[in-house]
Amino acid sequence: MSMRDGLAFANSLSFNRIEAESDSLEVINFCTGHTRWWDEAAALFAECVDIGTMIGKVTFKHCLRSCNQVAHVLANHSYCNKSSFSWLN
């Protein structure tokens, strides 16, 4: 859901080229088409592909969780505090 929401946010800002990173290799493989999805998450990955097509150029990259700690801290803070923020500048 995070990948879908991030792609939707980038699309709402009219970005036409983005890099989308995840520490989940499974998510990256599904979004790039390297793995077929036929499970309960299929609709989510289909949305990722559709939104990526609307954006134009999306590069999906896998990164290790240890390299992605800031994203996890921010996501956890938002989840625990039931808050949401967008930094645009």
PDB file of N, CA and C in Angstrom:
ATOM      1  N   MET A   1       0.823  -1.191   0.000  1.00  0.00           N
ATOM      2  CA  MET A   1       0.000   0.000   0.000  1.00  0.00           C
ATOM      3  C   MET A   1       0.871   1.260   0.000  1.00  0.00           C
ATOM      4  N   SER A   2       2.027   1.168   0.639  1.00  0.00           N
ATOM      5  CA  SER A   2       2.920   2.328   0.675  1.00  0.00           C
ATOM      6  C   SER A   2       3.416   2.691  -0.715  1.00  0.00           C
ATOM      7  N   MET A   3       3.758   1.674  -1.519  1.00  0.00           N
ATOM      8  CA  MET A   3       4.219   1.950  -2.877  1.00  0.00           C
ATOM      9  C   MET A   3       3.106   2.610  -3.681  1.00  0.00           C
ATOM     10  N   ARG A   4       1.899   2.067  -3.581  1.00  0.00           N
ATOM     11  CA  ARG A   4       0.762   2.635  -4.317  1.00  0.00           C
ATOM     12  C   ARG A   4       0.518   4.073  -3.896  1.00  0.00           C
ATOM     13  N   ASP A   5       0.520   4.323  -2.590  1.00  0.00           N
ATOM     14  CA  ASP A   5       0.255   5.671  -2.095  1.00  0.00           C
ATOM     15  C   ASP A   5       1.357   6.648  -2.490  1.00  0.00           C
ATOM     16  N   GLY A   6       2.600   6.189  -2.463  1.00  0.00           N
ATOM     17  CA  GLY A   6       3.703   7.046  -2.893  1.00  0.00           C
ATOM     18  C   GLY A   6       3.629   7.389  -4.369  1.00  0.00           C
ATOM     19  N   LEU A   7       3.286   6.402  -5.186  1.00  0.00           N
ATOM     20  CA  LEU A   7       3.124   6.650  -6.614  1.00  0.00           C
ATOM     21  C   LEU A   7       1.960   7.607  -6.873  1.00  0.00           C
ATOM     22  N   ALA A   8       0.859   7.415  -6.146  1.00  0.00           N
ATOM     23  CA  ALA A   8      -0.301   8.302  -6.312  1.00  0.00           C
ATOM     24  C   ALA A   8       0.061   9.735  -5.916  1.00  0.00           C
ATOM     25  N   PHE A   9       0.862   9.879  -4.851  1.00  0.00           N
ATOM     26  CA  PHE A   9       1.283  11.205  -4.418  1.00  0.00           C
ATOM     27  C   PHE A   9       2.160  11.858  -5.488  1.00  0.00           C
ATOM     28  N   ALA A  10       3.117  11.116  -6.024  1.00  0.00           N
ATOM     29  CA  ALA A  10       3.982  11.656  -7.089  1.00  0.00           C
ATOM     30  C   ALA A  10       3.152  12.051  -8.303  1.00  0.00           C
ATOM     31  N   ASN A  11       2.168  11.233  -8.640  1.00  0.00           N
ATOM     32  CA  ASN A  11       1.305  11.535  -9.775  1.00  0.00           C
ATOM     33  C   ASN A  11       0.478  12.796  -9.515  1.00  0.00           C
ATOM     34  N   SER A  12       0.010  12.973  -8.272  1.00  0.00           N
ATOM     35  CA  SER A  12      -0.789  14.163  -7.947  1.00  0.00           C
ATOM     36  C   SER A  12       0.037  15.446  -8.052  1.00  0.00           C
ATOM     37  N   LEU A  13       1.361  15.323  -7.917  1.00  0.00           N
ATOM     38  CA  LEU A  13       2.251  16.476  -8.058  1.00  0.00           C
ATOM     39  C   LEU A  13       2.724  16.659  -9.497  1.00  0.00           C
ATOM     40  N   SER A  14       2.175  15.840 -10.403  1.00  0.00           N
ATOM     41  CA  SER A  14       2.469  15.905 -11.845  1.00  0.00           C
ATOM     42  C   SER A  14       3.915  15.582 -12.186  1.00  0.00           C
ATOM     43  N   PHE A  15       4.565  14.740 -11.365  1.00  0.00           N
ATOM     44  CA  PHE A  15       5.908  14.292 -11.716  1.00  0.00           C
ATOM     45  C   PHE A  15       5.804  13.350 -12.906  1.00  0.00           C
ATOM     46  N   ASN A  16       6.775  13.436 -13.818  1.00  0.00           N
ATOM     47  CA  ASN A  16       6.749  12.532 -14.974  1.00  0.00           C
ATOM     48  C   ASN A  16       7.945  11.586 -15.014  1.00  0.00           C
ATOM     49  N   ARG A  17       8.846  11.704 -14.050  1.00  0.00           N
ATOM     50  CA  ARG A  17       9.982  10.787 -13.894  1.00  0.00           C
ATOM     51  C   ARG A  17      10.280  10.650 -12.418  1.00  0.00           C
ATOM     52  N   ILE A  18      10.241   9.432 -11.900  1.00  0.00           N
ATOM     53  CA  ILE A  18      10.542   9.237 -10.488  1.00  0.00           C
ATOM     54  C   ILE A  18      11.322   7.941 -10.285  1.00  0.00           C
ATOM     55  N   GLU A  19      11.985   7.861  -9.145  1.00  0.00           N
ATOM     56  CA  GLU A  19      12.585   6.624  -8.662  1.00  0.00           C
ATOM     57  C   GLU A  19      11.803   6.201  -7.439  1.00  0.00           C
ATOM     58  N   ALA A  20      11.283   4.998  -7.447  1.00  0.00           N
ATOM     59  CA  ALA A  20      10.524   4.465  -6.325  1.00  0.00           C
ATOM     60  C   ALA A  20      11.357   3.368  -5.673  1.00  0.00           C
ATOM     61  N   GLU A  21      11.655   3.534  -4.400  1.00  0.00           N
ATOM     62  CA  GLU A  21      12.491   2.573  -3.680  1.00  0.00           C
ATOM     63  C   GLU A  21      11.680   1.832  -2.640  1.00  0.00           C
ATOM     64  N   SER A  22      12.067   0.582  -2.404  1.00  0.00           N
ATOM     65  CA  SER A  22      11.458  -0.227  -1.357  1.00  0.00           C
ATOM     66  C   SER A  22      12.484  -1.214  -0.847  1.00  0.00           C
ATOM     67  N   ASP A  23      12.378  -1.542   0.444  1.00  0.00           N
ATOM     68  CA  ASP A  23      13.247  -2.582   0.978  1.00  0.00           C
ATOM     69  C   ASP A  23      12.616  -3.956   0.805  1.00  0.00           C
ATOM     70  N   SER A  24      11.447  -4.004   0.182  1.00  0.00           N
ATOM     71  CA  SER A  24      10.794  -5.277  -0.115  1.00  0.00           C
ATOM     72  C   SER A  24      11.098  -5.679  -1.557  1.00  0.00           C
ATOM     73  N   LEU A  25      11.948  -6.662  -1.704  1.00  0.00           N
ATOM     74  CA  LEU A  25      12.282  -7.137  -3.043  1.00  0.00           C
ATOM     75  C   LEU A  25      11.048  -7.690  -3.745  1.00  0.00           C
ATOM     76  N   GLU A  26      10.137  -8.271  -2.975  1.00  0.00           N
ATOM     77  CA  GLU A  26       8.900  -8.803  -3.549  1.00  0.00           C
ATOM     78  C   GLU A  26       8.077  -7.688  -4.199  1.00  0.00           C
ATOM     79  N   VAL A  27       7.947  -6.558  -3.520  1.00  0.00           N
ATOM     80  CA  VAL A  27       7.205  -5.425  -4.080  1.00  0.00           C
ATOM     81  C   VAL A  27       7.873  -4.928  -5.356  1.00  0.00           C
ATOM     82  N   ILE A  28       9.193  -4.784  -5.322  1.00  0.00           N
ATOM     83  CA  ILE A  28       9.916  -4.315  -6.513  1.00  0.00           C
ATOM     84  C   ILE A  28       9.723  -5.292  -7.671  1.00  0.00           C
ATOM     85  N   ASN A  29       9.848  -6.585  -7.411  1.00  0.00           N
ATOM     86  CA  ASN A  29       9.683  -7.579  -8.472  1.00  0.00           C
ATOM     87  C   ASN A  29       8.267  -7.579  -9.048  1.00  0.00           C
ATOM     88  N   PHE A  30       7.279  -7.395  -8.191  1.00  0.00           N
ATOM     89  CA  PHE A  30       5.903  -7.327  -8.685  1.00  0.00           C
ATOM     90  C   PHE A  30       5.696  -6.081  -9.539  1.00  0.00           C
ATOM     91  N   CYS A  31       6.192  -4.943  -9.062  1.00  0.00           N
ATOM     92  CA  CYS A  31       5.978  -3.678  -9.779  1.00  0.00           C
ATOM     93  C   CYS A  31       6.728  -3.612 -11.106  1.00  0.00           C
ATOM     94  N   THR A  32       7.844  -4.310 -11.197  1.00  0.00           N
ATOM     95  CA  THR A  32       8.605  -4.305 -12.448  1.00  0.00           C
ATOM     96  C   THR A  32       8.170  -5.411 -13.404  1.00  0.00           C
ATOM     97  N   GLY A  33       7.305  -6.296 -12.932  1.00  0.00           N
ATOM     98  CA  GLY A  33       6.834  -7.379 -13.793  1.00  0.00           C
ATOM     99  C   GLY A  33       7.732  -8.596 -13.788  1.00  0.00           C
ATOM    100  N   HIS A  34       8.751  -8.620 -12.922  1.00  0.00           N
ATOM    101  CA  HIS A  34       9.637  -9.782 -12.855  1.00  0.00           C
ATOM    102  C   HIS A  34       8.969 -10.979 -12.186  1.00  0.00           C
ATOM    103  N   THR A  35       7.897 -10.701 -11.442  1.00  0.00           N
ATOM    104  CA  THR A  35       7.147 -11.754 -10.776  1.00  0.00           C
ATOM    105  C   THR A  35       5.675 -11.565 -11.092  1.00  0.00           C
ATOM    106  N   ARG A  36       4.996 -12.633 -11.394  1.00  0.00           N
ATOM    107  CA  ARG A  36       3.543 -12.581 -11.631  1.00  0.00           C
ATOM    108  C   ARG A  36       2.825 -12.552 -10.299  1.00  0.00           C
ATOM    109  N   TRP A  37       1.742 -11.789 -10.248  1.00  0.00           N
ATOM    110  CA  TRP A  37       0.994 -11.698  -9.007  1.00  0.00           C
ATOM    111  C   TRP A  37      -0.408 -12.243  -9.211  1.00  0.00           C
ATOM    112  N   TRP A  38      -0.697 -13.289  -8.475  1.00  0.00           N
ATOM    113  CA  TRP A  38      -2.013 -13.922  -8.523  1.00  0.00           C
ATOM    114  C   TRP A  38      -2.499 -14.221  -7.124  1.00  0.00           C
ATOM    115  N   ASP A  39      -2.316 -13.296  -6.223  1.00  0.00           N
ATOM    116  CA  ASP A  39      -2.762 -13.511  -4.854  1.00  0.00           C
ATOM    117  C   ASP A  39      -3.645 -12.350  -4.417  1.00  0.00           C
ATOM    118  N   GLU A  40      -3.881 -12.239  -3.134  1.00  0.00           N
ATOM    119  CA  GLU A  40      -4.776 -11.206  -2.624  1.00  0.00           C
ATOM    120  C   GLU A  40      -4.235  -9.797  -2.836  1.00  0.00           C
ATOM    121  N   ALA A  41      -2.957  -9.645  -3.099  1.00  0.00           N
ATOM    122  CA  ALA A  41      -2.367  -8.333  -3.317  1.00  0.00           C
ATOM    123  C   ALA A  41      -2.355  -7.930  -4.793  1.00  0.00           C
ATOM    124  N   ALA A  42      -2.885  -8.747  -5.659  1.00  0.00           N
ATOM    125  CA  ALA A  42      -2.830  -8.488  -7.101  1.00  0.00           C
ATOM    126  C   ALA A  42      -3.431  -7.133  -7.472  1.00  0.00           C
ATOM    127  N   ALA A  43      -4.547  -6.771  -6.869  1.00  0.00           N
ATOM    128  CA  ALA A  43      -5.188  -5.493  -7.196  1.00  0.00           C
ATOM    129  C   ALA A  43      -4.290  -4.312  -6.832  1.00  0.00           C
ATOM    130  N   LEU A  44      -3.579  -4.418  -5.705  1.00  0.00           N
ATOM    131  CA  LEU A  44      -2.662  -3.346  -5.308  1.00  0.00           C
ATOM    132  C   LEU A  44      -1.531  -3.175  -6.309  1.00  0.00           C
ATOM    133  N   PHE A  45      -0.949  -4.295  -6.727  1.00  0.00           N
ATOM    134  CA  PHE A  45       0.157  -4.198  -7.680  1.00  0.00           C
ATOM    135  C   PHE A  45      -0.328  -3.719  -9.044  1.00  0.00           C
ATOM    136  N   ALA A  46      -1.536  -4.095  -9.419  1.00  0.00           N
ATOM    137  CA  ALA A  46      -2.111  -3.595 -10.669  1.00  0.00           C
ATOM    138  C   ALA A  46      -2.276  -2.078 -10.600  1.00  0.00           C
ATOM    139  N   GLU A  47      -2.687  -1.565  -9.436  1.00  0.00           N
ATOM    140  CA  GLU A  47      -2.793  -0.116  -9.259  1.00  0.00           C
ATOM    141  C   GLU A  47      -1.427   0.547  -9.374  1.00  0.00           C
ATOM    142  N   CYS A  48      -0.391  -0.065  -8.808  1.00  0.00           N
ATOM    143  CA  CYS A  48       0.967   0.484  -8.915  1.00  0.00           C
ATOM    144  C   CYS A  48       1.384   0.589 -10.366  1.00  0.00           C
ATOM    145  N   VAL A  49       1.134  -0.456 -11.122  1.00  0.00           N
ATOM    146  CA  VAL A  49       1.494  -0.457 -12.546  1.00  0.00           C
ATOM    147  C   VAL A  49       0.706   0.615 -13.289  1.00  0.00           C
ATOM    148  N   ASP A  50      -0.592   0.727 -13.011  1.00  0.00           N
ATOM    149  CA  ASP A  50      -1.430   1.727 -13.679  1.00  0.00           C
ATOM    150  C   ASP A  50      -0.979   3.146 -13.353  1.00  0.00           C
ATOM    151  N   ILE A  51      -0.713   3.412 -12.094  1.00  0.00           N
ATOM    152  CA  ILE A  51      -0.276   4.754 -11.704  1.00  0.00           C
ATOM    153  C   ILE A  51       1.097   5.046 -12.297  1.00  0.00           C
ATOM    154  N   GLY A  52       1.976   4.045 -12.307  1.00  0.00           N
ATOM    155  CA  GLY A  52       3.294   4.219 -12.918  1.00  0.00           C
ATOM    156  C   GLY A  52       3.184   4.579 -14.389  1.00  0.00           C
ATOM    157  N   THR A  53       2.242   3.994 -15.075  1.00  0.00           N
ATOM    158  CA  THR A  53       2.000   4.308 -16.491  1.00  0.00           C
ATOM    159  C   THR A  53       1.525   5.752 -16.642  1.00  0.00           C
ATOM    160  N   MET A  54       0.684   6.202 -15.727  1.00  0.00           N
ATOM    161  CA  MET A  54       0.206   7.592 -15.775  1.00  0.00           C
ATOM    162  C   MET A  54       1.344   8.572 -15.528  1.00  0.00           C
ATOM    163  N   ILE A  55       2.271   8.199 -14.650  1.00  0.00           N
ATOM    164  CA  ILE A  55       3.403   9.085 -14.350  1.00  0.00           C
ATOM    165  C   ILE A  55       4.299   9.222 -15.574  1.00  0.00           C
ATOM    166  N   GLY A  56       4.581   8.126 -16.215  1.00  0.00           N
ATOM    167  CA  GLY A  56       5.453   8.153 -17.384  1.00  0.00           C
ATOM    168  C   GLY A  56       6.650   7.250 -17.183  1.00  0.00           C
ATOM    169  N   LYS A  57       7.681   7.747 -16.538  1.00  0.00           N
ATOM    170  CA  LYS A  57       8.909   6.991 -16.319  1.00  0.00           C
ATOM    171  C   LYS A  57       9.088   6.751 -14.829  1.00  0.00           C
ATOM    172  N   VAL A  58       8.961   5.488 -14.425  1.00  0.00           N
ATOM    173  CA  VAL A  58       9.181   5.116 -13.030  1.00  0.00           C
ATOM    174  C   VAL A  58      10.275   4.061 -12.991  1.00  0.00           C
ATOM    175  N   THR A  59      11.309   4.314 -12.222  1.00  0.00           N
ATOM    176  CA  THR A  59      12.373   3.348 -12.002  1.00  0.00           C
ATOM    177  C   THR A  59      12.186   2.777 -10.605  1.00  0.00           C
ATOM    178  N   PHE A  60      11.956   1.479 -10.538  1.00  0.00           N
ATOM    179  CA  PHE A  60      11.788   0.806  -9.250  1.00  0.00           C
ATOM    180  C   PHE A  60      13.134   0.259  -8.802  1.00  0.00           C
ATOM    181  N   LYS A  61      13.507   0.569  -7.554  1.00  0.00           N
ATOM    182  CA  LYS A  61      14.796   0.124  -7.035  1.00  0.00           C
ATOM    183  C   LYS A  61      14.629  -0.536  -5.679  1.00  0.00           C
ATOM    184  N   HIS A  62      15.354  -1.633  -5.502  1.00  0.00           N
ATOM    185  CA  HIS A  62      15.387  -2.295  -4.206  1.00  0.00           C
ATOM    186  C   HIS A  62      16.530  -1.708  -3.398  1.00  0.00           C
ATOM    187  N   CYS A  63      16.257  -1.413  -2.131  1.00  0.00           N
ATOM    188  CA  CYS A  63      17.314  -0.963  -1.233  1.00  0.00           C
ATOM    189  C   CYS A  63      17.197  -1.743   0.068  1.00  0.00           C
ATOM    190  N   LEU A  64      18.303  -1.955   0.700  1.00  0.00           N
ATOM    191  CA  LEU A  64      18.312  -2.695   1.956  1.00  0.00           C
ATOM    192  C   LEU A  64      17.616  -1.889   3.044  1.00  0.00           C
ATOM    193  N   ARG A  65      16.979  -2.588   3.965  1.00  0.00           N
ATOM    194  CA  ARG A  65      16.281  -1.914   5.066  1.00  0.00           C
ATOM    195  C   ARG A  65      17.234  -1.015   5.840  1.00  0.00           C
ATOM    196  N   SER A  66      18.474  -1.440   5.998  1.00  0.00           N
ATOM    197  CA  SER A  66      19.446  -0.629   6.739  1.00  0.00           C
ATOM    198  C   SER A  66      19.717   0.707   6.049  1.00  0.00           C
ATOM    199  N   CYS A  67      19.492   0.781   4.754  1.00  0.00           N
ATOM    200  CA  CYS A  67      19.678   2.026   4.000  1.00  0.00           C
ATOM    201  C   CYS A  67      18.407   2.863   3.981  1.00  0.00           C
ATOM    202  N   ASN A  68      17.337   2.330   4.518  1.00  0.00           N
ATOM    203  CA  ASN A  68      16.032   2.964   4.419  1.00  0.00           C
ATOM    204  C   ASN A  68      15.464   3.300   5.800  1.00  0.00           C
ATOM    205  N   GLN A  69      16.325   3.448   6.796  1.00  0.00           N
ATOM    206  CA  GLN A  69      15.879   3.648   8.168  1.00  0.00           C
ATOM    207  C   GLN A  69      15.077   4.935   8.358  1.00  0.00           C
ATOM    208  N   VAL A  70      15.461   6.013   7.677  1.00  0.00           N
ATOM    209  CA  VAL A  70      14.758   7.282   7.844  1.00  0.00           C
ATOM    210  C   VAL A  70      13.299   7.138   7.427  1.00  0.00           C
ATOM    211  N   ALA A  71      13.053   6.453   6.340  1.00  0.00           N
ATOM    212  CA  ALA A  71      11.675   6.243   5.886  1.00  0.00           C
ATOM    213  C   ALA A  71      10.880   5.457   6.919  1.00  0.00           C
ATOM    214  N   HIS A  72      11.497   4.464   7.520  1.00  0.00           N
ATOM    215  CA  HIS A  72      10.805   3.663   8.533  1.00  0.00           C
ATOM    216  C   HIS A  72      10.507   4.477   9.794  1.00  0.00           C
ATOM    217  N   VAL A  73      11.438   5.315  10.200  1.00  0.00           N
ATOM    218  CA  VAL A  73      11.214   6.149  11.382  1.00  0.00           C
ATOM    219  C   VAL A  73      10.062   7.119  11.127  1.00  0.00           C
ATOM    220  N   LEU A  74      10.055   7.753   9.961  1.00  0.00           N
ATOM    221  CA  LEU A  74       8.977   8.695   9.632  1.00  0.00           C
ATOM    222  C   LEU A  74       7.628   7.988   9.524  1.00  0.00           C
ATOM    223  N   ALA A  75       7.602   6.829   8.881  1.00  0.00           N
ATOM    224  CA  ALA A  75       6.352   6.076   8.747  1.00  0.00           C
ATOM    225  C   ALA A  75       5.836   5.637  10.100  1.00  0.00           C
ATOM    226  N   ASN A  76       6.731   5.171  10.970  1.00  0.00           N
ATOM    227  CA  ASN A  76       6.327   4.750  12.303  1.00  0.00           C
ATOM    228  C   ASN A  76       5.803   5.933  13.121  1.00  0.00           C
ATOM    229  N   HIS A  77       6.457   7.068  13.024  1.00  0.00           N
ATOM    230  CA  HIS A  77       6.010   8.267  13.728  1.00  0.00           C
ATOM    231  C   HIS A  77       4.604   8.663  13.273  1.00  0.00           C
ATOM    232  N   SER A  78       4.399   8.677  11.975  1.00  0.00           N
ATOM    233  CA  SER A  78       3.089   9.035  11.425  1.00  0.00           C
ATOM    234  C   SER A  78       2.019   8.052  11.874  1.00  0.00           C
ATOM    235  N   TYR A  79       2.354   6.765  11.835  1.00  0.00           N
ATOM    236  CA  TYR A  79       1.394   5.731  12.236  1.00  0.00           C
ATOM    237  C   TYR A  79       1.038   5.849  13.721  1.00  0.00           C
ATOM    238  N   CYS A  80       2.036   6.001  14.564  1.00  0.00           N
ATOM    239  CA  CYS A  80       1.805   6.070  16.012  1.00  0.00           C
ATOM    240  C   CYS A  80       1.050   7.334  16.418  1.00  0.00           C
ATOM    241  N   ASN A  81       1.270   8.418  15.696  1.00  0.00           N
ATOM    242  CA  ASN A  81       0.626   9.689  16.030  1.00  0.00           C
ATOM    243  C   ASN A  81      -0.615   9.969  15.192  1.00  0.00           C
ATOM    244  N   LYS A  82      -0.978   9.018  14.340  1.00  0.00           N
ATOM    245  CA  LYS A  82      -2.154   9.174  13.478  1.00  0.00           C
ATOM    246  C   LYS A  82      -2.126  10.516  12.754  1.00  0.00           C
ATOM    247  N   SER A  83      -0.957  10.827  12.181  1.00  0.00           N
ATOM    248  CA  SER A  83      -0.780  12.105  11.492  1.00  0.00           C
ATOM    249  C   SER A  83      -0.199  11.874  10.107  1.00  0.00           C
ATOM    250  N   SER A  84      -0.348  12.883   9.284  1.00  0.00           N
ATOM    251  CA  SER A  84       0.175  12.813   7.929  1.00  0.00           C
ATOM    252  C   SER A  84       0.677  14.203   7.523  1.00  0.00           C
ATOM    253  N   PHE A  85       1.864  14.251   6.942  1.00  0.00           N
ATOM    254  CA  PHE A  85       2.449  15.516   6.509  1.00  0.00           C
ATOM    255  C   PHE A  85       3.040  15.354   5.111  1.00  0.00           C
ATOM    256  N   SER A  86       3.088  16.444   4.382  1.00  0.00           N
ATOM    257  CA  SER A  86       3.735  16.469   3.068  1.00  0.00           C
ATOM    258  C   SER A  86       4.698  17.638   3.030  1.00  0.00           C
ATOM    259  N   TRP A  87       5.954  17.343   2.728  1.00  0.00           N
ATOM    260  CA  TRP A  87       6.948  18.386   2.574  1.00  0.00           C
ATOM    261  C   TRP A  87       7.171  18.609   1.088  1.00  0.00           C
ATOM    262  N   LEU A  88       6.825  19.790   0.606  1.00  0.00           N
ATOM    263  CA  LEU A  88       6.918  20.043  -0.827  1.00  0.00           C
ATOM    264  C   LEU A  88       8.086  20.948  -1.179  1.00  0.00           C
ATOM    265  N   ASN A  89       8.596  21.711  -0.254  1.00  0.00           N
ATOM    266  CA  ASN A  89       9.680  22.646  -0.574  1.00  0.00           C
ATOM    267  C   ASN A  89      10.945  22.269   0.181  1.00  0.00           C
TER     268      ASN A  89
END
